[in-house]
Amino acid sequence: MQVVVVGSGAREHALAWRLAQSPGLTELHAAPGNPGIAALGRCHPVRADDADGLLSLALTLEADLVVVGPEGPLVAGVADVLRQNGITVFGPSAEAARIEGSKAFAKDVLRAAGVPTAETLSVARAPCVVKADGLASGKGVFVCRTSDDVDEALRAVTAFGGDFVIEELLEGEEVSLFALCDGSRAVPLGAARDFKRIGEGDEGPNTGGMGAFSPLSALGDMDELVARIHQPVVDELARRGTPFIGCLFAGLMLTPEPKVLEFNARFGDPETQVLMPRFDGDLLVALFAAAGGDLSGVEFGMGADAAVTVVVAGPDYPARSDYAGAEIAGIEAAEATGALVFHGGTAVRDGTVVTNGGRILSVTATGETIGDARRTAYDAVELVSFEGAQYRRDIAHA
């Protein structure tokens, strides 16, 4: 099968890495891809949000499957343009992707589906959570414990433009739970915990994610949770005539009754970087079956090993995500430890890999336990270097 992965981040690199191991893969392509993906297949200079360009590429390649990674193109309707022209796509329609693109829409769906979620508040008064209604690259959520926090959050969320949502502040362990969906079924994939704040001890501003680990001992029965959380949402979206095909990602707070904090319409980043090394099955078969509307009979799950990923970011991240041109050293040495180095924001200049973004690399390791994986991951991280590199040193710390 000819497969095109849409996107250029570490999530797409992790997906491409796992897809490249499928016996059914004929050739792997990416648009636009990155230097890490280029070692696995062919990268094409087509932006992830260029629907017409992606359609032309898919038709030229006679692609059997297009896998759309980032949320922006999904919310903008890239999958619709491809489907309308006969391309098989893993990724929801623009209408179904509103589950991520609009917090207000998601609340409406959750209420209709009877899924427990944080209560919406009419007034921003501490303690509360303030969320940008639209896409904000993981940086649009503000936890407010004081009135000063509320004032700062309102200023920040206003800068995103558009509406915002105010919710009750829930306390507990936050987890990311993933299911593959074929329009009518939600099949459990795996779970991870990510670390959103830039600073150790969960201090500082939100980021797109500074690391993650999997599995989670506190999660409980994943099948039961997906049946209670994801499946009713898939049913409600199908009832509305907008079936969800793709990866449905629930951010949950493990209160006595788990409650939904948010839904996302795609694989997580950096969670995918720990789920793909643990994935047990043929990812290409699973994604193609979901895209075709029938996951019945497809077997997949997570292996016994644990995985930890540590994100190495540019010096001014998250304030800036355009750190470009700094030479990156030590990638091969890090990989020689047995770790995986997924490229998030890199480019090649004069034959050398350089920085080109905010979150530059995701260094991932597996092991029999979280502790084993963590030690290997940090041993590998210490071998990677570029000017101004920063990373958290407490990812998956017990």
Protein backbone atom coordinates (compact mmCIF):
# COMPACT_ATOMS: atom_id res chain seq x y z
CA MET A 1 0.00 0.00 0.00
CA GLN A 2 1.06 3.56 -0.76
CA VAL A 3 0.63 5.66 2.40
CA VAL A 4 0.91 9.42 2.90
CA VAL A 5 1.41 10.82 6.41
CA VAL A 6 0.36 14.48 6.63
CA GLY A 7 2.35 16.63 9.06
CA SER A 8 5.88 17.46 10.09
CA GLY A 9 6.14 16.89 13.84
CA ALA A 10 7.36 14.22 16.22
CA ARG A 11 3.86 12.71 16.32
CA GLU A 12 3.97 12.16 12.55
CA HIS A 13 7.51 10.78 12.80
CA ALA A 14 6.34 8.25 15.42
CA LEU A 15 3.38 7.23 13.26
CA ALA A 16 5.61 6.93 10.20
CA TRP A 17 8.12 4.85 12.17
CA ARG A 18 5.43 2.36 13.19
CA LEU A 19 3.77 2.31 9.74
CA ALA A 20 7.15 1.59 8.15
CA GLN A 21 7.18 -1.74 10.02
CA SER A 22 3.96 -2.95 8.37
CA PRO A 23 4.38 -5.86 5.90
CA GLY A 24 1.64 -4.34 3.77
CA LEU A 25 3.47 -1.07 3.16
CA THR A 26 4.76 -0.56 -0.36
CA GLU A 27 6.05 2.97 0.02
CA LEU A 28 5.80 5.64 2.71
CA HIS A 29 5.36 9.31 1.87
CA ALA A 30 4.99 12.43 3.99
CA ALA A 31 3.75 15.94 3.38
CA PRO A 32 5.75 17.89 4.26
CA GLY A 33 7.53 15.50 6.65
CA ASN A 34 10.82 16.18 8.42
CA PRO A 35 14.42 14.88 8.33
CA GLY A 36 13.55 11.97 10.61
CA ILE A 37 10.68 10.83 8.40
CA ALA A 38 12.89 11.29 5.33
CA ALA A 39 14.98 8.36 6.58
CA LEU A 40 11.85 6.16 6.34
CA GLY A 41 10.24 7.36 3.11
CA ARG A 42 9.83 10.22 0.65
CA CYS A 43 8.98 13.73 1.83
CA HIS A 44 7.10 16.12 -0.43
CA PRO A 45 7.05 19.95 -0.12
CA VAL A 46 3.28 20.20 0.42
CA ARG A 47 1.95 22.00 3.50
CA ALA A 48 -0.29 20.06 5.85
CA ASP A 49 -3.07 22.64 5.40
CA ASP A 50 -2.88 22.72 1.58
CA ALA A 51 -5.92 20.59 0.73
CA ASP A 52 -5.58 20.99 -3.02
CA GLY A 53 -1.86 20.24 -2.92
CA LEU A 54 -2.46 17.14 -0.80
CA LEU A 55 -5.19 15.97 -3.17
CA SER A 56 -2.88 16.39 -6.15
CA LEU A 57 -0.12 14.49 -4.35
CA ALA A 58 -2.43 11.66 -3.31
CA LEU A 59 -3.81 11.28 -6.83
CA THR A 60 -0.33 11.38 -8.39
CA LEU A 61 0.97 8.73 -5.98
CA GLU A 62 -2.24 6.69 -6.27
CA ALA A 63 -2.24 6.69 -2.48
CA ASP A 64 -4.15 3.89 -0.78
CA LEU A 65 -4.33 5.73 2.55
CA VAL A 66 -3.72 9.25 3.79
CA VAL A 67 -3.15 9.70 7.54
CA VAL A 68 -3.71 13.28 8.71
CA GLY A 69 -1.73 14.05 11.87
CA PRO A 70 -2.26 17.67 13.00
CA GLU A 71 -5.52 19.14 14.27
CA GLY A 72 -5.41 22.34 12.21
CA PRO A 73 -5.84 20.68 8.80
CA LEU A 74 -8.57 18.41 10.19
CA VAL A 75 -10.59 21.30 11.60
CA ALA A 76 -10.06 23.16 8.31
CA GLY A 77 -11.56 20.27 6.31
CA VAL A 78 -8.55 18.71 4.59
CA ALA A 79 -9.99 15.22 5.11
CA ASP A 80 -13.27 16.28 3.47
CA VAL A 81 -11.54 17.46 0.29
CA LEU A 82 -9.62 14.19 0.02
CA ARG A 83 -12.66 11.98 0.72
CA GLN A 84 -14.85 13.85 -1.73
CA ASN A 85 -12.32 12.96 -4.40
CA GLY A 86 -12.15 9.25 -3.64
CA ILE A 87 -9.11 9.18 -1.32
CA THR A 88 -9.25 6.89 1.73
CA VAL A 89 -8.43 9.04 4.78
CA PHE A 90 -7.72 8.34 8.42
CA GLY A 91 -8.94 11.50 10.09
CA PRO A 92 -12.33 13.06 10.83
CA SER A 93 -14.35 15.46 8.73
CA ALA A 94 -14.35 19.15 9.61
CA GLU A 95 -17.76 18.77 11.27
CA ALA A 96 -16.65 15.82 13.39
CA ALA A 97 -13.33 17.54 14.21
CA ARG A 98 -15.31 20.33 15.88
CA ILE A 99 -15.14 18.09 18.94
CA GLU A 100 -11.64 19.62 19.25
CA GLY A 101 -12.07 22.82 17.25
CA SER A 102 -14.78 24.25 19.52
CA LYS A 103 -14.97 23.75 23.28
CA ALA A 104 -18.59 24.94 23.22
CA PHE A 105 -19.51 22.36 20.56
CA ALA A 106 -17.75 19.64 22.54
CA LYS A 107 -19.73 20.57 25.67
CA ASP A 108 -22.96 20.31 23.70
CA VAL A 109 -22.03 16.87 22.36
CA LEU A 110 -20.99 15.64 25.80
CA ARG A 111 -24.25 16.81 27.37
CA ALA A 112 -26.28 15.15 24.63
CA ALA A 113 -24.24 11.94 24.98
CA GLY A 114 -24.54 11.89 28.77
CA VAL A 115 -20.77 11.83 29.31
CA PRO A 116 -19.54 13.32 32.62
CA THR A 117 -17.51 16.48 32.17
CA ALA A 118 -16.37 19.56 34.06
CA GLU A 119 -19.26 21.91 34.81
CA THR A 120 -19.47 25.10 32.75
CA LEU A 121 -19.48 28.32 34.82
CA SER A 122 -21.03 31.65 33.88
CA VAL A 123 -18.48 33.80 35.73
CA ALA A 124 -14.70 33.55 35.93
CA ARG A 125 -14.10 33.34 39.67
CA ALA A 126 -11.28 31.39 41.34
CA PRO A 127 -10.94 28.48 41.52
CA CYS A 128 -11.77 27.79 37.87
CA VAL A 129 -10.32 26.90 34.48
CA VAL A 130 -10.40 29.28 31.51
CA LYS A 131 -10.12 27.75 28.02
CA ALA A 132 -9.86 29.28 24.57
CA ASP A 133 -12.80 27.97 22.55
CA GLY A 134 -10.78 27.23 19.41
CA LEU A 135 -7.43 25.63 18.62
CA ALA A 136 -4.48 26.93 20.61
CA SER A 137 -1.73 24.30 20.08
CA GLY A 138 -2.17 23.01 23.62
CA LYS A 139 -1.54 26.44 25.13
CA GLY A 140 -5.11 27.72 25.54
CA VAL A 141 -5.96 26.28 28.98
CA PHE A 142 -5.41 28.33 32.14
CA VAL A 143 -5.83 26.91 35.65
CA CYS A 144 -6.85 29.70 38.01
CA ARG A 145 -6.51 29.28 41.78
CA THR A 146 -6.41 32.99 42.67
CA SER A 147 -8.07 36.17 41.40
CA ASP A 148 -4.72 37.24 39.94
CA ASP A 149 -4.64 33.95 38.00
CA VAL A 150 -8.10 34.73 36.62
CA ASP A 151 -7.07 38.22 35.51
CA GLU A 152 -3.95 36.85 33.80
CA ALA A 153 -5.92 34.03 32.13
CA LEU A 154 -8.55 36.39 30.76
CA ARG A 155 -5.86 38.61 29.27
CA ALA A 156 -4.09 35.61 27.75
CA VAL A 157 -7.21 33.93 26.37
CA THR A 158 -8.37 37.22 24.84
CA ALA A 159 -5.11 37.36 22.90
CA PHE A 160 -6.09 34.14 21.11
CA GLY A 161 -9.18 35.88 19.74
CA GLY A 162 -12.61 34.29 19.58
CA ASP A 163 -14.69 32.97 22.45
CA PHE A 164 -13.64 31.21 25.63
CA VAL A 165 -15.16 28.77 28.11
CA ILE A 166 -15.06 28.86 31.93
CA GLU A 167 -15.18 25.56 33.82
CA GLU A 168 -15.02 24.24 37.36
CA LEU A 169 -11.53 23.28 38.53
CA LEU A 170 -11.28 19.51 38.95
CA GLU A 171 -8.57 17.94 41.09
CA GLY A 172 -7.01 14.54 40.44
CA GLU A 173 -4.65 12.76 38.05
CA GLU A 174 -4.99 13.84 34.44
CA VAL A 175 -4.63 11.19 31.73
CA SER A 176 -4.91 10.94 27.95
CA LEU A 177 -7.03 8.03 26.70
CA PHE A 178 -7.09 7.12 23.00
CA ALA A 179 -9.47 5.13 20.82
CA LEU A 180 -9.47 4.33 17.11
CA CYS A 181 -12.87 5.02 15.58
CA ASP A 182 -14.49 3.86 12.33
CA GLY A 183 -17.60 6.06 12.45
CA SER A 184 -19.63 3.71 14.63
CA ARG A 185 -17.15 1.99 16.97
CA ALA A 186 -14.59 3.27 19.45
CA VAL A 187 -11.86 0.65 20.00
CA PRO A 188 -9.40 1.23 22.87
CA LEU A 189 -5.87 2.04 21.75
CA GLY A 190 -3.88 3.06 24.83
CA ALA A 191 -3.34 5.68 27.49
CA ALA A 192 -0.54 8.01 28.53
CA ARG A 193 0.15 10.91 30.82
CA ASP A 194 1.75 14.03 29.40
CA PHE A 195 3.45 16.98 31.11
CA LYS A 196 2.05 20.26 29.88
CA ARG A 197 3.97 22.91 31.81
CA ILE A 198 7.38 24.14 30.71
CA GLY A 199 8.95 23.91 34.18
CA GLU A 200 9.74 21.09 36.55
CA GLY A 201 7.12 20.46 39.20
CA ASP A 202 4.49 21.57 36.66
CA GLU A 203 5.46 25.22 36.99
CA GLY A 204 5.32 27.93 34.32
CA PRO A 205 3.19 28.38 31.22
CA ASN A 206 1.45 25.63 29.27
CA THR A 207 3.16 24.06 26.27
CA GLY A 208 2.20 21.55 23.63
CA GLY A 209 3.68 18.90 25.96
CA MET A 210 7.18 18.41 27.40
CA GLY A 211 7.12 14.65 27.83
CA ALA A 212 4.94 11.62 28.50
CA PHE A 213 4.88 8.09 29.83
CA SER A 214 2.81 4.95 29.39
CA PRO A 215 1.24 2.74 30.79
CA LEU A 216 -0.73 4.23 33.70
CA SER A 217 -1.28 2.17 36.84
CA ALA A 218 -4.12 4.42 38.07
CA LEU A 219 -6.27 4.17 34.95
CA GLY A 220 -8.36 1.09 35.71
CA ASP A 221 -10.29 -0.83 33.04
CA MET A 222 -9.53 0.90 29.73
CA ASP A 223 -12.23 -1.00 27.83
CA GLU A 224 -14.86 0.11 30.34
CA LEU A 225 -13.69 3.73 30.21
CA VAL A 226 -13.79 3.86 26.40
CA ALA A 227 -17.27 2.33 26.47
CA ARG A 228 -18.41 5.03 28.92
CA ILE A 229 -16.50 8.02 27.52
CA HIS A 230 -15.69 7.59 23.82
CA GLN A 231 -18.45 5.35 22.52
CA PRO A 232 -21.36 7.66 23.50
CA VAL A 233 -19.59 10.55 21.75
CA VAL A 234 -19.06 8.46 18.61
CA ASP A 235 -22.75 7.48 18.77
CA GLU A 236 -23.86 11.10 19.17
CA LEU A 237 -21.72 12.35 16.29
CA ALA A 238 -23.07 9.56 14.08
CA ARG A 239 -26.61 10.50 15.11
CA ARG A 240 -25.92 14.05 13.97
CA GLY A 241 -24.79 12.79 10.57
CA THR A 242 -21.10 13.52 11.17
CA PRO A 243 -19.52 10.13 11.92
CA PHE A 244 -16.09 10.28 13.55
CA ILE A 245 -13.36 8.40 11.67
CA GLY A 246 -9.91 8.72 13.18
CA CYS A 247 -8.27 8.84 16.58
CA LEU A 248 -10.49 10.20 19.37
CA PHE A 249 -8.39 11.46 22.29
CA ALA A 250 -10.04 12.16 25.64
CA GLY A 251 -8.29 14.20 28.27
CA LEU A 252 -9.67 12.83 31.52
CA MET A 253 -9.45 13.83 35.17
CA LEU A 254 -9.47 10.75 37.38
CA THR A 255 -11.89 12.05 39.98
CA PRO A 256 -13.98 9.37 41.80
CA GLU A 257 -16.07 9.41 38.61
CA PRO A 258 -13.68 10.13 35.71
CA LYS A 259 -14.68 13.34 33.92
CA VAL A 260 -13.75 14.66 30.48
CA LEU A 261 -11.61 17.80 30.41
CA GLU A 262 -11.45 17.93 26.62
CA PHE A 263 -11.66 15.88 23.46
CA ASN A 264 -9.11 16.02 20.66
CA ALA A 265 -9.68 14.76 17.12
CA ARG A 266 -6.26 13.19 16.48
CA PHE A 267 -3.30 11.38 18.01
CA GLY A 268 -1.64 13.28 20.84
CA ASP A 269 1.79 14.85 20.84
CA PRO A 270 3.88 13.80 22.81
CA GLU A 271 1.66 10.84 23.77
CA THR A 272 2.02 9.19 20.35
CA GLN A 273 5.76 9.04 20.93
CA VAL A 274 5.20 6.62 23.84
CA LEU A 275 2.20 4.77 22.39
CA MET A 276 3.77 3.79 19.08
CA PRO A 277 6.77 1.98 20.62
CA ARG A 278 4.28 0.02 22.79
CA PHE A 279 1.80 -0.63 19.96
CA ASP A 280 1.15 -4.34 19.44
CA GLY A 281 -0.35 -5.06 16.04
CA ASP A 282 -0.22 -3.85 12.45
CA LEU A 283 -0.86 -0.10 12.55
CA LEU A 284 -1.42 0.12 8.80
CA VAL A 285 -4.12 -2.55 8.93
CA ALA A 286 -5.81 -0.81 11.86
CA LEU A 287 -5.79 2.68 10.35
CA PHE A 288 -6.93 1.43 6.95
CA ALA A 289 -9.79 -0.53 8.53
CA ALA A 290 -10.91 2.51 10.53
CA ALA A 291 -10.73 4.73 7.45
CA GLY A 292 -12.80 2.17 5.57
CA GLY A 293 -15.48 2.17 8.26
CA ASP A 294 -15.03 -1.30 9.73
CA LEU A 295 -12.69 -2.07 12.62
CA SER A 296 -14.45 -5.31 13.49
CA GLY A 297 -12.05 -8.21 13.61
CA VAL A 298 -8.91 -6.02 13.70
CA GLU A 299 -6.78 -6.84 16.73
CA PHE A 300 -4.33 -4.42 18.30
CA GLY A 301 -3.33 -3.17 21.72
CA MET A 302 -0.36 -2.22 23.86
CA GLY A 303 2.59 -4.42 24.72
CA ALA A 304 3.88 -5.07 28.24
CA ASP A 305 6.85 -2.70 28.05
CA ALA A 306 6.74 0.82 29.45
CA ALA A 307 7.80 3.90 27.49
CA VAL A 308 8.96 7.41 28.41
CA THR A 309 9.55 10.36 26.11
CA VAL A 310 11.35 13.60 26.94
CA VAL A 311 10.88 16.64 24.73
CA VAL A 312 13.92 18.81 24.02
CA ALA A 313 12.79 22.35 23.17
CA GLY A 314 14.29 25.60 21.96
CA PRO A 315 15.47 28.25 24.46
CA ASP A 316 12.47 30.60 24.19
CA TYR A 317 9.75 27.95 23.98
CA PRO A 318 6.78 28.24 24.57
CA ALA A 319 6.92 32.01 24.03
CA ARG A 320 8.42 31.33 20.60
CA SER A 321 8.17 28.29 18.36
CA ASP A 322 10.48 29.43 15.57
CA TYR A 323 13.96 28.61 16.86
CA ALA A 324 15.79 27.95 13.62
CA GLY A 325 19.30 27.25 12.41
CA ALA A 326 21.11 25.87 15.48
CA GLU A 327 23.10 22.75 14.67
CA ILE A 328 21.93 19.61 16.51
CA ALA A 329 24.59 17.18 17.69
CA GLY A 330 24.35 13.74 19.22
CA ILE A 331 21.25 12.26 17.55
CA GLU A 332 23.12 9.15 16.36
CA ALA A 333 24.78 8.74 19.76
CA ALA A 334 21.39 8.95 21.46
CA GLU A 335 19.96 6.34 19.11
CA ALA A 336 22.95 4.08 19.80
CA THR A 337 21.73 3.75 23.41
CA GLY A 338 18.62 2.02 22.09
CA ALA A 339 16.46 5.13 22.37
CA LEU A 340 14.29 6.50 19.58
CA VAL A 341 14.73 10.13 18.53
CA PHE A 342 11.60 11.53 16.91
CA HIS A 343 12.06 14.81 15.05
CA GLY A 344 9.59 17.54 16.00
CA GLY A 345 11.05 20.80 14.76
CA THR A 346 14.09 20.12 12.59
CA ALA A 347 15.40 20.84 9.11
CA VAL A 348 18.48 20.04 7.06
CA ARG A 349 20.85 22.83 6.09
CA ASP A 350 24.02 22.07 4.10
CA GLY A 351 23.71 18.42 5.04
CA THR A 352 23.40 19.13 8.77
CA VAL A 353 20.29 18.69 10.94
CA VAL A 354 19.36 22.00 12.56
CA THR A 355 16.58 23.32 14.76
CA ASN A 356 13.40 24.56 13.08
CA GLY A 357 10.60 25.03 15.60
CA GLY A 358 9.72 25.06 19.29
CA ARG A 359 9.70 21.45 20.42
CA ILE A 360 12.73 20.17 18.55
CA LEU A 361 13.07 16.47 19.45
CA SER A 362 11.21 13.78 21.40
CA VAL A 363 13.66 11.28 22.88
CA THR A 364 11.85 8.04 23.68
CA ALA A 365 12.93 4.84 25.41
CA THR A 366 11.24 1.62 26.45
CA GLY A 367 11.92 -0.74 29.33
CA GLU A 368 10.36 -3.35 31.57
CA THR A 369 9.29 -0.61 33.98
CA ILE A 370 8.70 3.14 33.83
CA GLY A 371 11.91 3.59 35.82
CA ASP A 372 13.95 1.55 33.33
CA ALA A 373 12.53 3.48 30.38
CA ARG A 374 13.08 6.80 32.14
CA ARG A 375 16.76 6.08 32.84
CA THR A 376 17.44 5.12 29.23
CA ALA A 377 15.53 8.15 27.91
CA TYR A 378 17.49 10.60 30.05
CA ASP A 379 20.82 8.90 29.26
CA ALA A 380 19.99 9.50 25.59
CA VAL A 381 18.77 13.07 26.14
CA GLU A 382 22.10 13.99 27.70
CA LEU A 383 23.86 13.00 24.47
CA VAL A 384 21.77 15.40 22.35
CA SER A 385 22.78 19.05 22.24
CA PHE A 386 22.14 22.34 20.49
CA GLU A 387 22.55 25.92 21.61
CA GLY A 388 19.88 26.88 24.12
CA ALA A 389 18.35 23.39 24.46
CA GLN A 390 15.97 22.97 27.39
CA TYR A 391 14.07 20.00 28.78
CA ARG A 392 12.33 18.97 31.97
CA ARG A 393 14.24 16.62 34.24
CA ASP A 394 11.22 15.27 36.10
CA ILE A 395 9.29 13.48 33.35
CA ALA A 396 7.79 10.24 34.77
CA HIS A 397 9.58 10.81 38.06
CA ALA A 398 7.98 8.68 40.77
